[in-house]
């Protein structure tokens, strides 16, 4: 999978996880961490891809 595809999939999955987590927990207090982790993962993938 290339970086463009991952940069599209990661945010979608992150938001889906946030919504599912918040819904199941009946509180969105900590579910934002899923989106935060997705952003960090995207940054790491972009940095690693630029170093190649």
N, C-alpha and C. Protein backbone atom coordinates (compact mmCIF):
# COMPACT_ATOMS: atom_id res chain seq x y z
N UNK A 1 0.83 -1.17 0.00
CA UNK A 1 0.00 0.00 0.00
C UNK A 1 0.88 1.25 0.00
N UNK A 2 0.53 2.21 -0.79
CA UNK A 2 1.34 3.43 -0.84
C UNK A 2 0.86 4.45 0.19
N UNK A 3 1.64 5.51 0.34
CA UNK A 3 1.34 6.53 1.34
C UNK A 3 0.03 7.26 1.06
N UNK A 4 -0.27 7.50 -0.20
CA UNK A 4 -1.52 8.21 -0.53
C UNK A 4 -2.74 7.42 -0.06
N UNK A 5 -2.70 6.13 -0.27
CA UNK A 5 -3.82 5.29 0.15
C UNK A 5 -3.94 5.28 1.67
N UNK A 6 -2.81 5.15 2.36
CA UNK A 6 -2.83 5.14 3.82
C UNK A 6 -3.29 6.48 4.38
N UNK A 7 -2.88 7.57 3.74
CA UNK A 7 -3.30 8.90 4.20
C UNK A 7 -4.78 9.14 3.98
N UNK A 8 -5.42 8.33 3.19
CA UNK A 8 -6.86 8.41 3.01
C UNK A 8 -7.58 7.48 3.98
N UNK A 9 -7.04 6.31 4.17
CA UNK A 9 -7.70 5.30 5.00
C UNK A 9 -7.59 5.61 6.50
N UNK A 10 -6.43 6.07 6.95
CA UNK A 10 -6.21 6.27 8.39
C UNK A 10 -7.20 7.26 9.01
N UNK A 11 -7.44 8.43 8.41
CA UNK A 11 -8.42 9.34 9.04
C UNK A 11 -9.83 8.77 9.07
N UNK A 12 -10.22 8.06 8.03
CA UNK A 12 -11.55 7.47 7.99
C UNK A 12 -11.70 6.43 9.10
N UNK A 13 -10.71 5.58 9.24
CA UNK A 13 -10.74 4.55 10.28
C UNK A 13 -10.69 5.19 11.66
N UNK A 14 -9.87 6.23 11.82
CA UNK A 14 -9.76 6.90 13.11
C UNK A 14 -11.10 7.49 13.57
N UNK A 15 -11.78 8.14 12.67
CA UNK A 15 -13.08 8.74 13.02
C UNK A 15 -14.11 7.64 13.28
N UNK A 16 -14.07 6.57 12.50
CA UNK A 16 -15.00 5.46 12.73
C UNK A 16 -14.76 4.85 14.11
N UNK A 17 -13.50 4.66 14.48
CA UNK A 17 -13.18 4.12 15.81
C UNK A 17 -13.67 5.07 16.89
N UNK A 18 -13.49 6.39 16.68
CA UNK A 18 -13.94 7.37 17.66
C UNK A 18 -15.45 7.29 17.86
N UNK A 19 -16.20 7.21 16.77
CA UNK A 19 -17.66 7.15 16.87
C UNK A 19 -18.11 5.85 17.55
N UNK A 20 -17.52 4.74 17.16
CA UNK A 20 -17.89 3.45 17.76
C UNK A 20 -17.54 3.43 19.24
N UNK A 21 -16.33 3.87 19.57
CA UNK A 21 -15.87 3.90 20.96
C UNK A 21 -16.78 4.80 21.80
N UNK A 22 -17.07 5.98 21.30
CA UNK A 22 -17.92 6.91 22.03
C UNK A 22 -19.34 6.41 22.20
N UNK A 23 -19.84 5.75 21.19
CA UNK A 23 -21.19 5.22 21.26
C UNK A 23 -21.27 4.06 22.26
N UNK A 24 -20.34 3.15 22.18
CA UNK A 24 -20.35 2.01 23.10
C UNK A 24 -20.11 2.44 24.54
N UNK A 25 -19.25 3.42 24.75
CA UNK A 25 -18.96 3.90 26.10
C UNK A 25 -20.01 4.89 26.59
N UNK A 26 -20.89 5.33 25.69
CA UNK A 26 -21.91 6.34 26.00
C UNK A 26 -21.30 7.64 26.50
N UNK A 27 -20.07 7.89 26.04
CA UNK A 27 -19.37 9.13 26.38
C UNK A 27 -18.22 9.30 25.39
N UNK A 28 -18.08 10.49 24.89
CA UNK A 28 -16.98 10.77 23.95
C UNK A 28 -15.80 11.41 24.67
N UNK A 29 -15.74 11.24 25.98
CA UNK A 29 -14.72 11.90 26.78
C UNK A 29 -13.30 11.54 26.34
N UNK A 30 -13.04 10.27 26.07
CA UNK A 30 -11.70 9.84 25.70
C UNK A 30 -11.61 9.31 24.27
N UNK A 31 -12.71 9.24 23.57
CA UNK A 31 -12.69 8.65 22.23
C UNK A 31 -11.92 9.50 21.23
N UNK A 32 -11.71 10.79 21.53
CA UNK A 32 -10.93 11.65 20.65
C UNK A 32 -9.49 11.14 20.53
N UNK A 33 -9.05 10.32 21.46
CA UNK A 33 -7.69 9.78 21.40
C UNK A 33 -7.46 8.92 20.15
N UNK A 34 -8.53 8.32 19.63
CA UNK A 34 -8.41 7.53 18.41
C UNK A 34 -8.01 8.41 17.23
N UNK A 35 -8.60 9.59 17.13
CA UNK A 35 -8.26 10.52 16.05
C UNK A 35 -6.86 11.08 16.26
N UNK A 36 -6.52 11.36 17.49
CA UNK A 36 -5.17 11.84 17.82
C UNK A 36 -4.12 10.80 17.42
N UNK A 37 -4.36 9.54 17.75
CA UNK A 37 -3.43 8.46 17.40
C UNK A 37 -3.34 8.30 15.88
N UNK A 38 -4.44 8.47 15.18
CA UNK A 38 -4.43 8.39 13.73
C UNK A 38 -3.59 9.49 13.11
N UNK A 39 -3.67 10.69 13.66
CA UNK A 39 -2.84 11.80 13.18
C UNK A 39 -1.37 11.55 13.40
N UNK A 40 -1.03 11.00 14.55
CA UNK A 40 0.38 10.67 14.83
C UNK A 40 0.85 9.58 13.87
N UNK A 41 0.03 8.58 13.65
CA UNK A 41 0.39 7.51 12.72
C UNK A 41 0.62 8.04 11.31
N UNK A 42 -0.23 8.96 10.86
CA UNK A 42 -0.04 9.56 9.54
C UNK A 42 1.26 10.33 9.47
N UNK A 43 1.58 11.08 10.50
CA UNK A 43 2.83 11.85 10.53
C UNK A 43 4.04 10.93 10.47
N UNK A 44 4.00 9.84 11.23
CA UNK A 44 5.12 8.89 11.25
C UNK A 44 5.29 8.25 9.87
N UNK A 45 4.19 7.87 9.24
CA UNK A 45 4.28 7.27 7.91
C UNK A 45 4.85 8.25 6.90
N UNK A 46 4.42 9.53 6.96
CA UNK A 46 4.93 10.53 6.03
C UNK A 46 6.41 10.79 6.25
N UNK A 47 6.83 10.86 7.50
CA UNK A 47 8.25 11.10 7.79
C UNK A 47 9.09 9.91 7.34
N UNK A 48 8.61 8.71 7.61
CA UNK A 48 9.35 7.51 7.19
C UNK A 48 9.43 7.42 5.66
N UNK A 49 8.36 7.83 4.98
CA UNK A 49 8.35 7.78 3.53
C UNK A 49 9.28 8.80 2.89
N UNK A 50 9.45 9.93 3.55
CA UNK A 50 10.34 10.96 3.00
C UNK A 50 11.80 10.59 3.19
N UNK A 51 12.09 9.76 4.19
CA UNK A 51 13.48 9.36 4.44
C UNK A 51 13.96 8.29 3.48
N UNK A 52 13.04 7.65 2.75
CA UNK A 52 13.44 6.58 1.83
C UNK A 52 14.09 7.10 0.60
